[in-house]
């Protein structure tokens, strides 16, 4: 199978290549695609060298699948060009997520909706993916009414520039800034740009994408997204009000039985999810599961995942695996 990775030299692109190799995805020919300054360079994949191609050249090569992680403007311009030659595009940017004709997919939740006609498929935002992974099985049983989520997000969600800023600040050196303020020993309640309603784009992604993935506009979500000086993954404090009551034992059991979720929830042994242990893993970790004692049918939980893997690269490749396994490409 001919597979293009668009943005192959970026932070998520490099993880995509790593995950493709780890999961032994059936790549017979890899087409790494990057910006013009990288065209002609070589990258290594499973012990072989592949030359970085331009976008136009990659379209001519007609890959079966193109995994995009190169930003929204590039996706808007080039995803339709790949789709026009028969390529199935799985896009990791925000460009197509809220397009009513484009499926927004977390495989464990709604891959069943995909068909051969879906030539552009959207990968959700990293913070949304881990949230809905925990919500979906509980929504099925208890019917989610309202979610209040506060995120504690890794700097890797911003990219290489942010990682470099933290490293420079940690070493006491000056350098280019990814953020308007220091991130070392700090917390910025500012992920992405602010919108007219006072929320950031990241916060509104959590609101809108959750409804679309769960296929339920009656689920209300309100979010505060915070950037913290952590590398390993995103953490979320999630408060969920249900229509029906629950027992904590049943909640733990449902989450434990959900593929892709690992329950780490034992206060006697200080067992709870942390980004330092989620880093490099594909699961979503859930702990601190407890009843909100201030109002009925309401649950608190703590949700952690590696934002570059399940939050981006792994989810993208799981979509591709589903397409292959179900003969949709």
Protein backbone atom coordinates (compact mmCIF):
# COMPACT_ATOMS: atom_id res chain seq x y z
CA UNK A 1 0.00 0.00 0.00
CA UNK A 2 1.29 3.42 -1.01
CA UNK A 3 1.08 5.77 2.01
CA UNK A 4 1.89 9.49 2.06
CA UNK A 5 2.74 11.23 5.33
CA UNK A 6 2.22 14.96 4.83
CA UNK A 7 4.25 16.92 7.35
CA UNK A 8 6.62 13.98 7.81
CA UNK A 9 9.41 16.09 9.33
CA UNK A 10 7.20 17.74 11.97
CA UNK A 11 6.64 16.63 15.55
CA UNK A 12 3.40 14.70 14.86
CA UNK A 13 4.65 13.49 11.47
CA UNK A 14 7.67 11.86 13.07
CA UNK A 15 5.41 10.10 15.59
CA UNK A 16 3.15 8.96 12.72
CA UNK A 17 6.14 7.28 11.07
CA UNK A 18 7.08 5.68 14.39
CA UNK A 19 3.53 4.38 14.98
CA UNK A 20 3.21 3.09 11.40
CA UNK A 21 6.35 1.02 12.00
CA UNK A 22 5.37 -0.13 15.50
CA UNK A 23 1.91 -1.28 14.40
CA UNK A 24 3.30 -2.86 11.23
CA UNK A 25 0.87 -0.99 9.00
CA UNK A 26 1.03 -2.49 5.45
CA UNK A 27 3.20 0.20 3.83
CA UNK A 28 4.76 -1.00 0.59
CA UNK A 29 5.84 2.46 -0.52
CA UNK A 30 6.22 5.43 1.82
CA UNK A 31 5.86 8.95 0.41
CA UNK A 32 7.17 11.46 2.95
CA UNK A 33 5.94 14.98 2.16
CA UNK A 34 7.19 18.21 3.71
CA UNK A 35 7.78 21.89 3.00
CA UNK A 36 9.84 22.97 0.00
CA UNK A 37 12.98 23.45 2.12
CA UNK A 38 12.90 19.74 3.05
CA UNK A 39 12.17 18.37 -0.45
CA UNK A 40 14.98 16.12 -1.64
CA UNK A 41 16.14 15.22 1.85
CA UNK A 42 15.97 11.62 2.97
CA UNK A 43 14.19 10.11 5.94
CA UNK A 44 14.52 6.57 7.27
CA UNK A 45 11.56 4.25 7.77
CA UNK A 46 11.96 0.61 8.83
CA UNK A 47 15.61 0.58 7.78
CA UNK A 48 15.04 2.06 4.31
CA UNK A 49 15.65 5.58 2.99
CA UNK A 50 12.85 7.57 1.36
CA UNK A 51 13.16 10.91 -0.42
CA UNK A 52 10.97 13.76 0.81
CA UNK A 53 8.55 14.82 -1.94
CA UNK A 54 6.70 18.04 -2.70
CA UNK A 55 2.91 18.16 -2.37
CA UNK A 56 2.38 18.31 -6.13
CA UNK A 57 4.67 15.33 -6.74
CA UNK A 58 2.96 13.30 -4.02
CA UNK A 59 -0.47 13.90 -5.60
CA UNK A 60 0.89 12.62 -8.93
CA UNK A 61 2.05 9.43 -7.17
CA UNK A 62 -1.60 8.67 -6.20
CA UNK A 63 -1.15 7.09 -2.75
CA UNK A 64 -4.00 4.98 -1.38
CA UNK A 65 -3.82 6.89 1.93
CA UNK A 66 -2.45 10.30 2.88
CA UNK A 67 -1.95 11.05 6.57
CA UNK A 68 -1.93 14.83 6.99
CA UNK A 69 -0.30 16.75 9.83
CA UNK A 70 0.78 19.98 8.21
CA UNK A 71 -1.64 22.67 9.40
CA UNK A 72 -5.13 23.78 8.46
CA UNK A 73 -4.37 26.01 5.47
CA UNK A 74 -2.33 23.28 3.77
CA UNK A 75 -5.08 20.72 4.44
CA UNK A 76 -7.75 23.00 2.98
CA UNK A 77 -5.70 23.48 -0.19
CA UNK A 78 -4.27 20.01 -0.73
CA UNK A 79 -6.62 17.43 0.83
CA UNK A 80 -9.18 17.90 -2.00
CA UNK A 81 -6.40 17.49 -4.60
CA UNK A 82 -5.38 14.16 -3.09
CA UNK A 83 -9.03 13.11 -2.80
CA UNK A 84 -9.59 13.97 -6.48
CA UNK A 85 -7.03 11.34 -7.55
CA UNK A 86 -8.65 8.67 -5.35
CA UNK A 87 -6.54 9.04 -2.20
CA UNK A 88 -8.23 8.75 1.18
CA UNK A 89 -7.01 11.63 3.34
CA UNK A 90 -6.97 11.41 7.14
CA UNK A 91 -6.36 14.94 8.35
CA UNK A 92 -4.97 15.88 11.74
CA UNK A 93 -5.64 19.64 11.49
CA UNK A 94 -8.79 21.51 12.49
CA UNK A 95 -9.58 22.33 8.83
CA UNK A 96 -12.29 19.72 8.18
CA UNK A 97 -13.46 18.77 11.68
CA UNK A 98 -16.63 20.81 11.76
CA UNK A 99 -17.42 20.49 8.05
CA UNK A 100 -20.89 18.89 7.99
CA UNK A 101 -19.92 16.56 5.12
CA UNK A 102 -16.75 15.30 6.81
CA UNK A 103 -16.71 12.53 9.43
CA UNK A 104 -14.89 13.30 12.70
CA UNK A 105 -13.63 9.95 13.91
CA UNK A 106 -12.38 8.26 17.05
CA UNK A 107 -12.30 4.61 15.89
CA UNK A 108 -13.46 3.08 19.18
CA UNK A 109 -16.54 5.32 19.11
CA UNK A 110 -17.75 6.01 15.56
CA UNK A 111 -15.58 4.35 12.91
CA UNK A 112 -18.66 2.31 11.94
CA UNK A 113 -19.97 5.44 10.16
CA UNK A 114 -17.14 5.42 7.58
CA UNK A 115 -17.77 4.41 3.95
CA UNK A 116 -15.74 4.15 0.74
CA UNK A 117 -17.07 7.58 -0.23
CA UNK A 118 -15.33 9.30 2.70
CA UNK A 119 -12.23 10.59 0.93
CA UNK A 120 -11.43 13.22 3.58
CA UNK A 121 -11.70 12.07 7.20
CA UNK A 122 -11.02 14.39 10.12
CA UNK A 123 -8.97 13.42 13.17
CA UNK A 124 -10.27 15.22 16.28
CA UNK A 125 -8.33 17.58 18.50
CA UNK A 126 -5.99 15.88 20.97
CA UNK A 127 -7.78 17.09 24.10
CA UNK A 128 -11.16 16.09 22.63
CA UNK A 129 -10.06 12.53 21.80
CA UNK A 130 -9.14 11.60 25.35
CA UNK A 131 -12.25 13.31 26.73
CA UNK A 132 -14.70 11.46 24.46
CA UNK A 133 -12.89 8.15 24.99
CA UNK A 134 -13.87 8.40 28.65
CA UNK A 135 -17.31 9.92 28.04
CA UNK A 136 -18.65 7.69 25.25
CA UNK A 137 -19.16 4.42 27.20
CA UNK A 138 -20.65 6.32 30.15
CA UNK A 139 -22.92 8.32 27.84
CA UNK A 140 -24.28 5.08 26.43
CA UNK A 141 -25.25 3.86 29.92
CA UNK A 142 -26.17 7.01 31.84
CA UNK A 143 -26.74 9.75 29.20
CA UNK A 144 -24.39 12.72 29.64
CA UNK A 145 -26.17 16.04 30.17
CA UNK A 146 -23.33 18.44 30.96
CA UNK A 147 -19.52 18.33 31.08
CA UNK A 148 -17.21 20.81 32.82
CA UNK A 149 -13.61 20.16 31.75
CA UNK A 150 -10.39 21.87 32.75
CA UNK A 151 -7.30 20.82 30.80
CA UNK A 152 -3.64 20.78 31.81
CA UNK A 153 -1.97 20.57 28.41
CA UNK A 154 1.53 19.58 27.37
CA UNK A 155 3.71 22.05 25.50
CA UNK A 156 4.18 19.43 22.78
CA UNK A 157 0.67 20.37 21.63
CA UNK A 158 2.15 23.68 20.50
CA UNK A 159 5.13 22.09 18.73
CA UNK A 160 8.92 22.06 18.61
CA UNK A 161 9.18 25.81 19.21
CA UNK A 162 7.42 25.47 22.59
CA UNK A 163 9.62 22.55 23.65
CA UNK A 164 12.66 24.69 22.82
CA UNK A 165 11.25 27.62 24.82
CA UNK A 166 10.87 25.44 27.92
CA UNK A 167 14.35 23.96 27.49
CA UNK A 168 15.85 27.45 27.13
CA UNK A 169 14.02 28.78 30.20
CA UNK A 170 14.98 25.71 32.23
CA UNK A 171 18.64 26.32 31.30
CA UNK A 172 18.40 30.07 31.94
CA UNK A 173 18.98 30.92 28.29
CA UNK A 174 17.12 33.33 26.04
CA UNK A 175 15.60 32.30 22.72
CA UNK A 176 12.57 32.44 20.46
CA UNK A 177 9.23 32.41 22.30
CA UNK A 178 6.28 30.19 21.39
CA UNK A 179 4.15 31.78 24.10
CA UNK A 180 3.59 35.42 25.16
CA UNK A 181 4.93 34.60 28.66
CA UNK A 182 7.42 32.19 30.25
CA UNK A 183 6.15 28.60 30.50
CA UNK A 184 8.77 27.31 32.96
CA UNK A 185 7.28 27.40 36.51
CA UNK A 186 4.11 28.83 35.03
CA UNK A 187 0.59 27.95 33.84
CA UNK A 188 -0.99 29.80 30.90
CA UNK A 189 -4.81 29.81 30.71
CA UNK A 190 -4.40 30.37 26.99
CA UNK A 191 -4.34 27.49 24.47
CA UNK A 192 -4.68 28.70 20.86
CA UNK A 193 -6.19 32.12 20.07
CA UNK A 194 -9.03 33.89 21.86
CA UNK A 195 -12.41 34.13 20.14
CA UNK A 196 -15.07 36.82 20.44
CA UNK A 197 -16.92 34.95 23.19
CA UNK A 198 -13.85 35.04 25.46
CA UNK A 199 -13.06 31.34 25.02
CA UNK A 200 -10.01 30.08 23.16
CA UNK A 201 -10.22 28.00 20.00
CA UNK A 202 -8.97 25.00 21.99
CA UNK A 203 -11.83 25.37 24.45
CA UNK A 204 -14.42 25.65 21.70
CA UNK A 205 -12.98 22.55 19.99
CA UNK A 206 -13.79 20.61 23.15
CA UNK A 207 -17.34 22.01 23.08
CA UNK A 208 -18.13 21.45 19.40
CA UNK A 209 -16.14 18.30 18.57
CA UNK A 210 -17.51 16.38 21.56
CA UNK A 211 -21.07 16.90 20.35
CA UNK A 212 -20.19 15.83 16.81
CA UNK A 213 -18.32 12.67 17.83
CA UNK A 214 -21.03 11.60 20.28
CA UNK A 215 -23.65 12.56 17.64
CA UNK A 216 -25.64 14.34 20.33
CA UNK A 217 -26.25 18.09 20.37
CA UNK A 218 -27.92 17.84 23.78
CA UNK A 219 -24.54 17.24 25.50
CA UNK A 220 -23.42 20.58 26.93
CA UNK A 221 -19.68 21.14 27.39
CA UNK A 222 -17.87 24.08 28.96
CA UNK A 223 -14.07 24.16 29.03
CA UNK A 224 -11.01 25.96 30.38
CA UNK A 225 -7.77 24.99 28.62
CA UNK A 226 -4.45 25.60 30.37
CA UNK A 227 -0.90 25.11 29.11
CA UNK A 228 1.56 23.77 31.70
CA UNK A 229 5.33 23.00 31.57
CA UNK A 230 4.85 19.27 30.92
CA UNK A 231 6.08 17.21 27.95
CA UNK A 232 4.43 13.79 28.38
CA UNK A 233 0.76 14.41 27.64
CA UNK A 234 -2.47 16.21 28.40
CA UNK A 235 -4.42 15.88 31.66
CA UNK A 236 -8.08 16.78 32.19
CA UNK A 237 -10.23 17.29 35.28
CA UNK A 238 -13.69 16.23 34.10
CA UNK A 239 -16.99 16.83 35.89
CA UNK A 240 -19.93 15.00 34.27
CA UNK A 241 -23.62 15.35 35.08
CA UNK A 242 -25.73 12.38 33.90
CA UNK A 243 -29.44 11.98 33.33
CA UNK A 244 -29.41 8.70 35.27
CA UNK A 245 -27.69 7.79 38.51
CA UNK A 246 -24.71 5.46 38.68
CA UNK A 247 -22.57 3.52 41.11
CA UNK A 248 -18.84 4.17 41.25
CA UNK A 249 -18.23 0.42 40.94
CA UNK A 250 -20.20 0.30 37.68
CA UNK A 251 -18.40 3.34 36.31
CA UNK A 252 -15.02 1.72 37.00
CA UNK A 253 -16.19 -1.56 35.44
CA UNK A 254 -17.55 0.13 32.29
CA UNK A 255 -14.34 2.10 31.79
CA UNK A 256 -12.18 -0.96 32.54
CA UNK A 257 -14.04 -2.94 29.86
CA UNK A 258 -13.69 -0.19 27.25
CA UNK A 259 -10.94 -0.89 24.65
CA UNK A 260 -8.27 1.80 24.73
CA UNK A 261 -8.90 2.85 28.34
CA UNK A 262 -6.80 1.90 31.37
CA UNK A 263 -8.29 2.57 34.80
CA UNK A 264 -5.68 3.67 37.37
CA UNK A 265 -7.73 4.42 40.46
CA UNK A 266 -6.55 3.34 43.88
CA UNK A 267 -6.07 6.09 46.45
CA UNK A 268 -4.72 3.59 49.01
CA UNK A 269 -1.62 3.11 46.86
CA UNK A 270 -1.55 6.64 45.34
CA UNK A 271 -2.42 5.12 41.96
CA UNK A 272 -3.73 7.69 39.48
CA UNK A 273 -2.92 8.76 35.91
CA UNK A 274 0.01 11.09 35.28
CA UNK A 275 1.46 12.40 31.99
CA UNK A 276 4.96 11.24 32.93
CA UNK A 277 3.68 7.64 32.68
CA UNK A 278 1.27 8.19 29.78
CA UNK A 279 4.08 9.43 27.51
CA UNK A 280 4.81 7.03 24.67
CA UNK A 281 1.65 4.97 25.29
CA UNK A 282 -1.52 4.71 23.17
CA UNK A 283 -4.09 4.22 25.92
CA UNK A 284 -6.23 6.81 27.67
CA UNK A 285 -5.77 6.62 31.45
CA UNK A 286 -8.64 7.38 33.84
CA UNK A 287 -8.53 7.75 37.63
CA UNK A 288 -9.64 9.83 40.65
CA UNK A 289 -13.13 8.48 39.91
CA UNK A 290 -15.47 9.86 42.55
CA UNK A 291 -18.97 11.19 43.03
CA UNK A 292 -19.55 14.94 43.00
CA UNK A 293 -21.30 15.28 46.34
CA UNK A 294 -22.71 18.75 45.58
CA UNK A 295 -25.38 17.64 43.13
CA UNK A 296 -27.13 14.45 41.98
CA UNK A 297 -25.96 12.04 39.24
CA UNK A 298 -22.60 13.81 38.86
CA UNK A 299 -19.12 12.31 38.57
CA UNK A 300 -15.55 13.62 38.80
CA UNK A 301 -12.68 11.92 37.01
CA UNK A 302 -9.10 12.62 35.90
CA UNK A 303 -8.21 11.73 32.29
CA UNK A 304 -4.66 11.58 30.89
CA UNK A 305 -3.22 10.64 27.47
CA UNK A 306 -0.16 11.22 25.31
CA UNK A 307 -1.37 14.00 23.03
CA UNK A 308 1.08 13.14 20.24
CA UNK A 309 0.04 9.47 20.14
CA UNK A 310 -3.65 8.72 20.91
CA UNK A 311 -4.28 12.46 20.68
CA UNK A 312 -2.88 12.66 17.15
CA UNK A 313 -0.71 10.07 15.35
CA UNK A 314 -2.11 6.84 16.78
CA UNK A 315 -5.75 7.82 16.32
CA UNK A 316 -4.98 8.77 12.70
CA UNK A 317 -3.38 5.40 12.01
CA UNK A 318 -6.16 3.51 13.82
CA UNK A 319 -8.58 5.13 11.36
CA UNK A 320 -6.40 3.91 8.48
CA UNK A 321 -6.31 0.41 10.02
CA UNK A 322 -10.10 0.37 10.20
CA UNK A 323 -10.37 1.38 6.53
CA UNK A 324 -8.03 -1.42 5.50
CA UNK A 325 -9.61 -4.06 7.75
CA UNK A 326 -13.09 -3.25 6.42
CA UNK A 327 -12.17 -3.06 2.73
CA UNK A 328 -12.96 0.65 2.47
CA UNK A 329 -9.78 1.42 0.52
